[in-house]
Amino acid sequence: MEEIYIKYSRLVYNYLYRLTNNVELSEELTQETFYSAIKGIKNFKNKSNISVWLCQIAKNEWKDYLKKSKKIKTVPIDDRLEYVDTEDNIEDNLLTKEEKINFYKKVHKLDSNTKEVIYLRINCEFSFKEIANIFEKSEEWARITFHRGKIKLKEEFNNEKRV
């Protein structure tokens, strides 16, 4: 399990940080995620990638935290944007930190599932299949959700240019 921790702890931390926008909470939930993974390792049946399994656990730990603390979910505005290899890639046009912040402000306005799919695709570089596994939905659902989110974001950017 130590090798798994070394290999995936950063990924889990980054995923949690995008959900919480809180360094200390992300660190704590990362530890809880791996503790839960150790307890539940017998349930991992190699049906999905281990990183997807860990992110599912992380998401559940975060939801449990929210329930216990009765806090409202917040989504961070991250200043890091990575390239996603897709057609009509609106993210390619974002160059400055200010533009990135503007992009994530628009993402933040999307519904929670679409936000999370976009974060997982862009920041965690998960495939649509991996995203579908996290949400326990179909790969087609993940693709459509991402695509619809991109369309909404393009509309927002086009509306902004007209003003």
N, C-alpha and C. Protein backbone atom coordinates (compact mmCIF):
# COMPACT_ATOMS: atom_id res chain seq x y z
N MET A 1 0.83 -1.19 0.00
CA MET A 1 0.00 0.00 0.00
C MET A 1 0.87 1.26 0.00
N GLU A 2 2.08 1.14 0.54
CA GLU A 2 2.98 2.30 0.57
C GLU A 2 3.32 2.76 -0.84
N GLU A 3 3.54 1.80 -1.75
CA GLU A 3 3.84 2.15 -3.14
C GLU A 3 2.67 2.87 -3.79
N ILE A 4 1.48 2.41 -3.48
CA ILE A 4 0.26 3.03 -4.02
C ILE A 4 0.15 4.46 -3.49
N TYR A 5 0.43 4.63 -2.21
CA TYR A 5 0.38 5.96 -1.61
C TYR A 5 1.39 6.89 -2.29
N ILE A 6 2.59 6.42 -2.46
CA ILE A 6 3.63 7.24 -3.08
C ILE A 6 3.22 7.62 -4.51
N LYS A 7 2.66 6.68 -5.22
CA LYS A 7 2.30 6.91 -6.62
C LYS A 7 1.06 7.80 -6.79
N TYR A 8 0.07 7.67 -5.91
CA TYR A 8 -1.22 8.31 -6.14
C TYR A 8 -1.61 9.40 -5.13
N SER A 9 -0.83 9.60 -4.10
CA SER A 9 -1.24 10.58 -3.08
C SER A 9 -1.36 11.99 -3.64
N ARG A 10 -0.47 12.36 -4.53
CA ARG A 10 -0.52 13.71 -5.11
C ARG A 10 -1.78 13.88 -5.95
N LEU A 11 -2.12 12.87 -6.73
CA LEU A 11 -3.32 12.91 -7.56
C LEU A 11 -4.57 13.06 -6.69
N VAL A 12 -4.65 12.27 -5.62
CA VAL A 12 -5.80 12.33 -4.72
C VAL A 12 -5.85 13.69 -4.04
N TYR A 13 -4.71 14.17 -3.59
CA TYR A 13 -4.66 15.49 -2.95
C TYR A 13 -5.14 16.58 -3.92
N ASN A 14 -4.64 16.57 -5.14
CA ASN A 14 -5.04 17.58 -6.13
C ASN A 14 -6.54 17.51 -6.41
N TYR A 15 -7.05 16.31 -6.51
CA TYR A 15 -8.50 16.13 -6.74
C TYR A 15 -9.28 16.74 -5.56
N LEU A 16 -8.88 16.42 -4.36
CA LEU A 16 -9.56 16.95 -3.17
C LEU A 16 -9.40 18.46 -3.05
N TYR A 17 -8.24 18.96 -3.43
CA TYR A 17 -8.03 20.40 -3.35
C TYR A 17 -8.98 21.13 -4.30
N ARG A 18 -9.22 20.55 -5.46
CA ARG A 18 -10.15 21.18 -6.40
C ARG A 18 -11.58 21.19 -5.86
N LEU A 19 -11.88 20.22 -5.03
CA LEU A 19 -13.21 20.17 -4.42
C LEU A 19 -13.32 21.12 -3.23
N THR A 20 -12.26 21.23 -2.45
CA THR A 20 -12.33 21.95 -1.18
C THR A 20 -11.74 23.35 -1.22
N ASN A 21 -10.74 23.57 -2.06
CA ASN A 21 -9.98 24.82 -2.10
C ASN A 21 -9.38 25.13 -0.73
N ASN A 22 -8.96 24.07 -0.03
CA ASN A 22 -8.41 24.22 1.31
C ASN A 22 -7.26 23.22 1.48
N VAL A 23 -6.07 23.75 1.70
CA VAL A 23 -4.88 22.90 1.79
C VAL A 23 -4.97 21.91 2.94
N GLU A 24 -5.27 22.41 4.14
CA GLU A 24 -5.30 21.54 5.31
C GLU A 24 -6.37 20.47 5.20
N LEU A 25 -7.56 20.86 4.74
CA LEU A 25 -8.64 19.91 4.59
C LEU A 25 -8.30 18.87 3.53
N SER A 26 -7.69 19.30 2.45
CA SER A 26 -7.29 18.37 1.39
C SER A 26 -6.28 17.35 1.91
N GLU A 27 -5.34 17.82 2.71
CA GLU A 27 -4.34 16.91 3.30
C GLU A 27 -5.02 15.91 4.23
N GLU A 28 -5.91 16.41 5.07
CA GLU A 28 -6.62 15.53 6.00
C GLU A 28 -7.47 14.49 5.26
N LEU A 29 -8.20 14.95 4.25
CA LEU A 29 -9.05 14.02 3.50
C LEU A 29 -8.23 13.04 2.66
N THR A 30 -7.06 13.46 2.23
CA THR A 30 -6.17 12.53 1.52
C THR A 30 -5.76 11.39 2.45
N GLN A 31 -5.42 11.74 3.70
CA GLN A 31 -5.05 10.71 4.67
C GLN A 31 -6.24 9.79 4.95
N GLU A 32 -7.42 10.37 5.09
CA GLU A 32 -8.63 9.57 5.33
C GLU A 32 -8.92 8.66 4.13
N THR A 33 -8.67 9.16 2.95
CA THR A 33 -8.89 8.37 1.74
C THR A 33 -8.02 7.12 1.74
N PHE A 34 -6.75 7.29 2.07
CA PHE A 34 -5.85 6.14 2.06
C PHE A 34 -6.12 5.20 3.24
N TYR A 35 -6.55 5.75 4.34
CA TYR A 35 -6.96 4.91 5.48
C TYR A 35 -8.15 4.05 5.06
N SER A 36 -9.13 4.67 4.42
CA SER A 36 -10.30 3.92 3.95
C SER A 36 -9.92 2.90 2.88
N ALA A 37 -8.97 3.28 2.03
CA ALA A 37 -8.51 2.35 0.99
C ALA A 37 -7.85 1.12 1.61
N ILE A 38 -7.05 1.34 2.64
CA ILE A 38 -6.41 0.21 3.33
C ILE A 38 -7.47 -0.71 3.93
N LYS A 39 -8.46 -0.10 4.58
CA LYS A 39 -9.53 -0.90 5.19
C LYS A 39 -10.35 -1.64 4.11
N GLY A 40 -10.48 -1.05 2.93
CA GLY A 40 -11.34 -1.64 1.92
C GLY A 40 -10.61 -2.26 0.74
N ILE A 41 -9.32 -2.50 0.89
CA ILE A 41 -8.53 -3.02 -0.23
C ILE A 41 -9.09 -4.35 -0.75
N LYS A 42 -9.71 -5.12 0.13
CA LYS A 42 -10.26 -6.41 -0.31
C LYS A 42 -11.44 -6.21 -1.27
N ASN A 43 -12.04 -5.01 -1.25
CA ASN A 43 -13.16 -4.71 -2.14
C ASN A 43 -12.72 -4.26 -3.53
N PHE A 44 -11.43 -3.93 -3.68
CA PHE A 44 -10.93 -3.52 -4.98
C PHE A 44 -10.70 -4.76 -5.82
N LYS A 45 -11.45 -4.84 -6.90
CA LYS A 45 -11.41 -6.04 -7.72
C LYS A 45 -10.84 -5.79 -9.11
N ASN A 46 -10.05 -4.74 -9.26
CA ASN A 46 -9.44 -4.39 -10.54
C ASN A 46 -10.45 -4.17 -11.66
N LYS A 47 -11.69 -3.80 -11.30
CA LYS A 47 -12.68 -3.49 -12.33
C LYS A 47 -12.44 -2.10 -12.90
N SER A 48 -11.74 -1.29 -12.16
CA SER A 48 -11.40 0.05 -12.64
C SER A 48 -9.93 0.32 -12.31
N ASN A 49 -9.44 1.39 -12.82
CA ASN A 49 -8.09 1.83 -12.54
C ASN A 49 -8.00 2.19 -11.06
N ILE A 50 -6.89 1.93 -10.44
CA ILE A 50 -6.75 2.21 -9.01
C ILE A 50 -6.90 3.70 -8.70
N SER A 51 -6.47 4.56 -9.65
CA SER A 51 -6.63 6.00 -9.41
C SER A 51 -8.11 6.38 -9.39
N VAL A 52 -8.91 5.76 -10.21
CA VAL A 52 -10.35 6.02 -10.22
C VAL A 52 -10.96 5.55 -8.90
N TRP A 53 -10.56 4.36 -8.46
CA TRP A 53 -11.05 3.81 -7.19
C TRP A 53 -10.70 4.75 -6.03
N LEU A 54 -9.47 5.25 -6.01
CA LEU A 54 -9.05 6.15 -4.95
C LEU A 54 -9.83 7.47 -4.99
N CYS A 55 -10.09 7.98 -6.19
CA CYS A 55 -10.86 9.22 -6.31
C CYS A 55 -12.31 9.01 -5.89
N GLN A 56 -12.84 7.83 -6.12
CA GLN A 56 -14.19 7.54 -5.64
C GLN A 56 -14.21 7.57 -4.11
N ILE A 57 -13.20 6.97 -3.51
CA ILE A 57 -13.10 6.99 -2.04
C ILE A 57 -12.94 8.43 -1.56
N ALA A 58 -12.09 9.20 -2.24
CA ALA A 58 -11.86 10.59 -1.86
C ALA A 58 -13.16 11.39 -1.94
N LYS A 59 -13.90 11.18 -2.99
CA LYS A 59 -15.17 11.89 -3.16
C LYS A 59 -16.13 11.54 -2.02
N ASN A 60 -16.17 10.26 -1.65
CA ASN A 60 -17.03 9.84 -0.54
C ASN A 60 -16.56 10.42 0.78
N GLU A 61 -15.26 10.49 0.99
CA GLU A 61 -14.72 11.10 2.21
C GLU A 61 -15.12 12.57 2.28
N TRP A 62 -15.04 13.25 1.16
CA TRP A 62 -15.40 14.67 1.11
C TRP A 62 -16.90 14.85 1.40
N LYS A 63 -17.72 14.00 0.79
CA LYS A 63 -19.17 14.07 1.04
C LYS A 63 -19.48 13.81 2.51
N ASP A 64 -18.79 12.83 3.10
CA ASP A 64 -18.97 12.55 4.52
C ASP A 64 -18.58 13.76 5.37
N TYR A 65 -17.48 14.38 5.00
CA TYR A 65 -17.04 15.58 5.71
C TYR A 65 -18.11 16.67 5.63
N LEU A 66 -18.66 16.88 4.44
CA LEU A 66 -19.69 17.91 4.26
C LEU A 66 -20.92 17.61 5.10
N LYS A 67 -21.31 16.35 5.15
CA LYS A 67 -22.48 15.97 5.95
C LYS A 67 -22.22 16.22 7.43
N LYS A 68 -21.04 15.83 7.88
CA LYS A 68 -20.70 16.00 9.30
C LYS A 68 -20.60 17.46 9.69
N SER A 69 -20.02 18.26 8.82
CA SER A 69 -19.81 19.66 9.16
C SER A 69 -20.92 20.57 8.64
N LYS A 70 -21.83 19.99 7.85
CA LYS A 70 -22.96 20.73 7.29
C LYS A 70 -22.51 21.95 6.52
N LYS A 71 -21.40 21.79 5.81
CA LYS A 71 -20.88 22.88 5.00
C LYS A 71 -21.41 22.74 3.58
N ILE A 72 -21.47 23.86 2.90
CA ILE A 72 -21.90 23.87 1.51
C ILE A 72 -20.69 23.61 0.63
N LYS A 73 -20.89 22.82 -0.40
CA LYS A 73 -19.82 22.50 -1.33
C LYS A 73 -19.31 23.77 -2.01
N THR A 74 -17.99 23.94 -2.00
CA THR A 74 -17.39 25.04 -2.73
C THR A 74 -16.44 24.46 -3.76
N VAL A 75 -16.38 25.13 -4.87
CA VAL A 75 -15.48 24.69 -5.93
C VAL A 75 -14.47 25.81 -6.14
N PRO A 76 -13.19 25.48 -6.14
CA PRO A 76 -12.17 26.52 -6.23
C PRO A 76 -12.03 27.10 -7.63
N ILE A 77 -11.46 28.28 -7.66
CA ILE A 77 -11.04 28.85 -8.93
C ILE A 77 -9.54 28.63 -8.96
N ASP A 78 -9.13 27.65 -9.73
CA ASP A 78 -7.74 27.25 -9.77
C ASP A 78 -7.02 28.02 -10.87
N ASP A 79 -5.78 28.37 -10.63
CA ASP A 79 -5.06 29.13 -11.66
C ASP A 79 -4.23 28.23 -12.57
N ARG A 80 -4.47 26.93 -12.49
CA ARG A 80 -3.76 26.00 -13.36
C ARG A 80 -4.70 25.42 -14.38
N LEU A 81 -4.32 25.47 -15.63
CA LEU A 81 -5.15 24.91 -16.69
C LEU A 81 -4.27 24.05 -17.56
N GLU A 82 -4.66 22.82 -17.74
CA GLU A 82 -3.88 21.91 -18.56
C GLU A 82 -4.63 21.64 -19.85
N TYR A 83 -3.90 21.30 -20.87
CA TYR A 83 -4.47 21.04 -22.18
C TYR A 83 -5.29 19.75 -22.17
N VAL A 84 -6.46 19.82 -22.76
CA VAL A 84 -7.29 18.63 -22.95
C VAL A 84 -7.42 18.44 -24.45
N ASP A 85 -7.06 17.28 -24.94
CA ASP A 85 -7.03 17.01 -26.36
C ASP A 85 -8.44 16.74 -26.89
N THR A 86 -9.14 17.81 -27.26
CA THR A 86 -10.47 17.68 -27.82
C THR A 86 -10.64 18.70 -28.93
N GLU A 87 -11.61 18.47 -29.80
CA GLU A 87 -11.91 19.43 -30.85
C GLU A 87 -12.48 20.70 -30.22
N ASP A 88 -12.33 21.81 -30.93
CA ASP A 88 -12.90 23.08 -30.49
C ASP A 88 -12.53 23.38 -29.04
N ASN A 89 -11.28 23.20 -28.73
CA ASN A 89 -10.84 23.32 -27.35
C ASN A 89 -10.81 24.79 -26.91
N ILE A 90 -11.82 25.19 -26.14
CA ILE A 90 -11.90 26.58 -25.70
C ILE A 90 -10.78 26.91 -24.73
N GLU A 91 -10.27 25.91 -24.03
CA GLU A 91 -9.22 26.15 -23.04
C GLU A 91 -7.91 26.60 -23.70
N ASP A 92 -7.71 26.23 -24.97
CA ASP A 92 -6.48 26.60 -25.67
C ASP A 92 -6.31 28.11 -25.73
N ASN A 93 -7.40 28.84 -25.75
CA ASN A 93 -7.36 30.28 -25.91
C ASN A 93 -7.01 31.02 -24.62
N LEU A 94 -6.97 30.33 -23.52
CA LEU A 94 -6.71 30.98 -22.24
C LEU A 94 -5.21 31.06 -22.00
N LEU A 95 -4.72 32.27 -21.88
CA LEU A 95 -3.28 32.43 -21.75
C LEU A 95 -2.86 33.02 -20.41
N THR A 96 -3.56 34.01 -19.97
CA THR A 96 -3.12 34.69 -18.76
C THR A 96 -3.83 34.15 -17.53
N LYS A 97 -3.26 34.45 -16.39
CA LYS A 97 -3.87 34.04 -15.13
C LYS A 97 -5.26 34.65 -15.00
N GLU A 98 -5.40 35.88 -15.39
CA GLU A 98 -6.70 36.55 -15.33
C GLU A 98 -7.74 35.83 -16.19
N GLU A 99 -7.33 35.40 -17.37
CA GLU A 99 -8.25 34.67 -18.24
C GLU A 99 -8.61 33.30 -17.65
N LYS A 100 -7.64 32.69 -16.99
CA LYS A 100 -7.91 31.41 -16.34
C LYS A 100 -8.91 31.58 -15.21
N ILE A 101 -8.74 32.63 -14.44
CA ILE A 101 -9.67 32.91 -13.35
C ILE A 101 -11.06 33.16 -13.92
N ASN A 102 -11.13 33.92 -14.99
CA ASN A 102 -12.41 34.18 -15.65
C ASN A 102 -13.04 32.87 -16.13
N PHE A 103 -12.22 31.98 -16.69
CA PHE A 103 -12.72 30.68 -17.15
C PHE A 103 -13.32 29.89 -15.98
N TYR A 104 -12.59 29.81 -14.87
CA TYR A 104 -13.08 29.03 -13.74
C TYR A 104 -14.26 29.69 -13.04
N LYS A 105 -14.37 30.99 -13.14
CA LYS A 105 -15.58 31.65 -12.63
C LYS A 105 -16.79 31.18 -13.41
N LYS A 106 -16.62 31.03 -14.71
CA LYS A 106 -17.72 30.56 -15.56
C LYS A 106 -18.01 29.08 -15.27
N VAL A 107 -16.96 28.29 -15.07
CA VAL A 107 -17.15 26.87 -14.73
C VAL A 107 -17.91 26.77 -13.41
N HIS A 108 -17.57 27.62 -12.47
CA HIS A 108 -18.19 27.61 -11.14
C HIS A 108 -19.70 27.81 -11.21
N LYS A 109 -20.18 28.49 -12.23
CA LYS A 109 -21.60 28.76 -12.38
C LYS A 109 -22.37 27.56 -12.94
N LEU A 110 -21.67 26.56 -13.45
CA LEU A 110 -22.32 25.38 -14.01
C LEU A 110 -22.88 24.51 -12.89
N ASP A 111 -23.78 23.58 -13.27
CA ASP A 111 -24.30 22.66 -12.25
C ASP A 111 -23.16 21.79 -11.72
N SER A 112 -23.36 21.22 -10.54
CA SER A 112 -22.26 20.55 -9.84
C SER A 112 -21.69 19.37 -10.61
N ASN A 113 -22.51 18.57 -11.25
CA ASN A 113 -21.99 17.42 -12.01
C ASN A 113 -21.13 17.89 -13.18
N THR A 114 -21.60 18.90 -13.90
CA THR A 114 -20.85 19.40 -15.05
C THR A 114 -19.52 20.00 -14.59
N LYS A 115 -19.55 20.76 -13.49
CA LYS A 115 -18.32 21.33 -12.93
C LYS A 115 -17.31 20.23 -12.64
N GLU A 116 -17.78 19.22 -11.95
CA GLU A 116 -16.86 18.16 -11.53
C GLU A 116 -16.31 17.39 -12.72
N VAL A 117 -17.14 17.13 -13.72
CA VAL A 117 -16.68 16.44 -14.93
C VAL A 117 -15.60 17.27 -15.61
N ILE A 118 -15.82 18.58 -15.72
CA ILE A 118 -14.83 19.45 -16.36
C ILE A 118 -13.53 19.46 -15.56
N TYR A 119 -13.61 19.56 -14.23
CA TYR A 119 -12.40 19.52 -13.41
C TYR A 119 -11.66 18.19 -13.57
N LEU A 120 -12.38 17.10 -13.54
CA LEU A 120 -11.74 15.79 -13.66
C LEU A 120 -11.07 15.62 -15.01
N ARG A 121 -11.71 16.12 -16.04
CA ARG A 121 -11.17 15.98 -17.40
C ARG A 121 -9.96 16.90 -17.60
N ILE A 122 -10.09 18.14 -17.18
CA ILE A 122 -9.03 19.12 -17.43
C ILE A 122 -7.88 18.98 -16.44
N ASN A 123 -8.19 18.97 -15.16
CA ASN A 123 -7.14 19.02 -14.15
C ASN A 123 -6.56 17.66 -13.81
N CYS A 124 -7.39 16.65 -13.75
CA CYS A 124 -6.90 15.32 -13.39
C CYS A 124 -6.58 14.47 -14.61
N GLU A 125 -6.95 14.96 -15.79
CA GLU A 125 -6.68 14.28 -17.04
C GLU A 125 -7.28 12.88 -17.08
N PHE A 126 -8.45 12.71 -16.46
CA PHE A 126 -9.13 11.43 -16.48
C PHE A 126 -9.82 11.22 -17.82
N SER A 127 -9.86 9.98 -18.24
CA SER A 127 -10.60 9.63 -19.45
C SER A 127 -12.09 9.69 -19.13
N PHE A 128 -12.91 9.68 -20.17
CA PHE A 128 -14.35 9.68 -19.94
C PHE A 128 -14.79 8.39 -19.25
N LYS A 129 -14.10 7.33 -19.53
CA LYS A 129 -14.43 6.06 -18.87
C LYS A 129 -14.15 6.15 -17.37
N GLU A 130 -13.03 6.74 -17.00
CA GLU A 130 -12.69 6.90 -15.60
C GLU A 130 -13.68 7.84 -14.89
N ILE A 131 -14.05 8.91 -15.57
CA ILE A 131 -15.02 9.84 -15.01
C ILE A 131 -16.36 9.13 -14.80
N ALA A 132 -16.76 8.34 -15.79
CA ALA A 132 -18.00 7.58 -15.68
C ALA A 132 -17.96 6.64 -14.48
N ASN A 133 -16.83 6.01 -14.25
CA ASN A 133 -16.68 5.12 -13.09
C ASN A 133 -16.82 5.88 -11.78
N ILE A 134 -16.27 7.06 -11.70
CA ILE A 134 -16.37 7.85 -10.47
C ILE A 134 -17.83 8.19 -10.17
N PHE A 135 -18.56 8.57 -11.20
CA PHE A 135 -19.96 8.95 -11.03
C PHE A 135 -20.92 7.75 -11.05
N GLU A 136 -20.35 6.59 -11.38
CA GLU A 136 -21.16 5.37 -11.53
C GLU A 136 -22.25 5.58 -12.59
N LYS A 137 -21.82 6.15 -13.71
CA LYS A 137 -22.69 6.41 -14.86
C LYS A 137 -21.99 5.86 -16.09
N SER A 138 -22.61 6.04 -17.24
CA SER A 138 -22.03 5.53 -18.49
C SER A 138 -20.96 6.49 -19.02
N GLU A 139 -20.09 5.93 -19.86
CA GLU A 139 -19.07 6.73 -20.50
C GLU A 139 -19.72 7.79 -21.40
N GLU A 140 -20.81 7.42 -22.04
CA GLU A 140 -21.54 8.36 -22.89
C GLU A 140 -22.05 9.55 -22.07
N TRP A 141 -22.54 9.27 -20.87
CA TRP A 141 -23.01 10.34 -19.98
C TRP A 141 -21.87 11.32 -19.70
N ALA A 142 -20.68 10.80 -19.42
CA ALA A 142 -19.53 11.66 -19.12
C ALA A 142 -19.17 12.52 -20.33
N ARG A 143 -19.17 11.92 -21.52
CA ARG A 143 -18.85 12.67 -22.74
C ARG A 143 -19.88 13.77 -22.99
N ILE A 144 -21.14 13.42 -22.86
CA ILE A 144 -22.22 14.39 -23.12
C ILE A 144 -22.18 15.52 -22.10
N THR A 145 -21.96 15.18 -20.84
CA THR A 145 -21.90 16.20 -19.79
C THR A 145 -20.75 17.17 -20.06
N PHE A 146 -19.60 16.63 -20.43
CA PHE A 146 -18.44 17.48 -20.74
C PHE A 146 -18.74 18.35 -21.95
N HIS A 147 -19.29 17.74 -22.99
CA HIS A 147 -19.59 18.47 -24.22
C HIS A 147 -20.60 19.59 -23.97
N ARG A 148 -21.66 19.30 -23.25
CA ARG A 148 -22.66 20.32 -22.93
C ARG A 148 -22.06 21.45 -22.09
N GLY A 149 -21.19 21.08 -21.18
CA GLY A 149 -20.51 22.10 -20.38
C GLY A 149 -19.66 23.01 -21.25
N LYS A 150 -18.94 22.42 -22.21
CA LYS A 150 -18.13 23.22 -23.11
C LYS A 150 -18.99 24.16 -23.95
N ILE A 151 -20.15 23.67 -24.39
CA ILE A 151 -21.06 24.51 -25.17
C ILE A 151 -21.53 25.70 -24.33
N LYS A 152 -21.91 25.43 -23.09
CA LYS A 152 -22.36 26.52 -22.20
C LYS A 152 -21.23 27.53 -21.98
N LEU A 153 -20.02 27.04 -21.78
CA LEU A 153 -18.89 27.94 -21.58
C LEU A 153 -18.61 28.77 -22.82
N LYS A 154 -18.69 28.15 -24.00
CA LYS A 154 -18.48 28.89 -25.25
C LYS A 154 -19.53 29.99 -25.39
N GLU A 155 -20.77 29.67 -25.06
CA GLU A 155 -21.83 30.68 -25.12
C GLU A 155 -21.52 31.84 -24.18
N GLU A 156 -21.06 31.53 -22.98
CA GLU A 156 -20.70 32.57 -22.02
C GLU A 156 -19.58 33.47 -22.57
N PHE A 157 -18.56 32.85 -23.15
CA PHE A 157 -17.45 33.62 -23.70
C PHE A 157 -17.92 34.45 -24.89
N ASN A 158 -18.77 33.89 -25.73
CA ASN A 158 -19.28 34.63 -26.89
C ASN A 158 -20.14 35.81 -26.43
N ASN A 159 -20.96 35.60 -25.42
CA ASN A 159 -21.79 36.68 -24.88
C ASN A 159 -20.92 37.78 -24.29
N GLU A 160 -19.83 37.38 -23.66
CA GLU A 160 -18.91 38.35 -23.06
C GLU A 160 -18.23 39.19 -24.13
N LYS A 161 -17.89 38.57 -25.26
CA LYS A 161 -17.22 39.30 -26.35
C LYS A 161 -18.15 40.32 -27.00
N ARG A 162 -19.46 40.02 -27.03
CA ARG A 162 -20.43 40.91 -27.65
C ARG A 162 -20.68 42.16 -26.83
N VAL A 163 -20.45 42.06 -25.53
CA VAL A 163 -20.76 43.19 -24.65
C VAL A 163 -19.72 44.26 -24.71
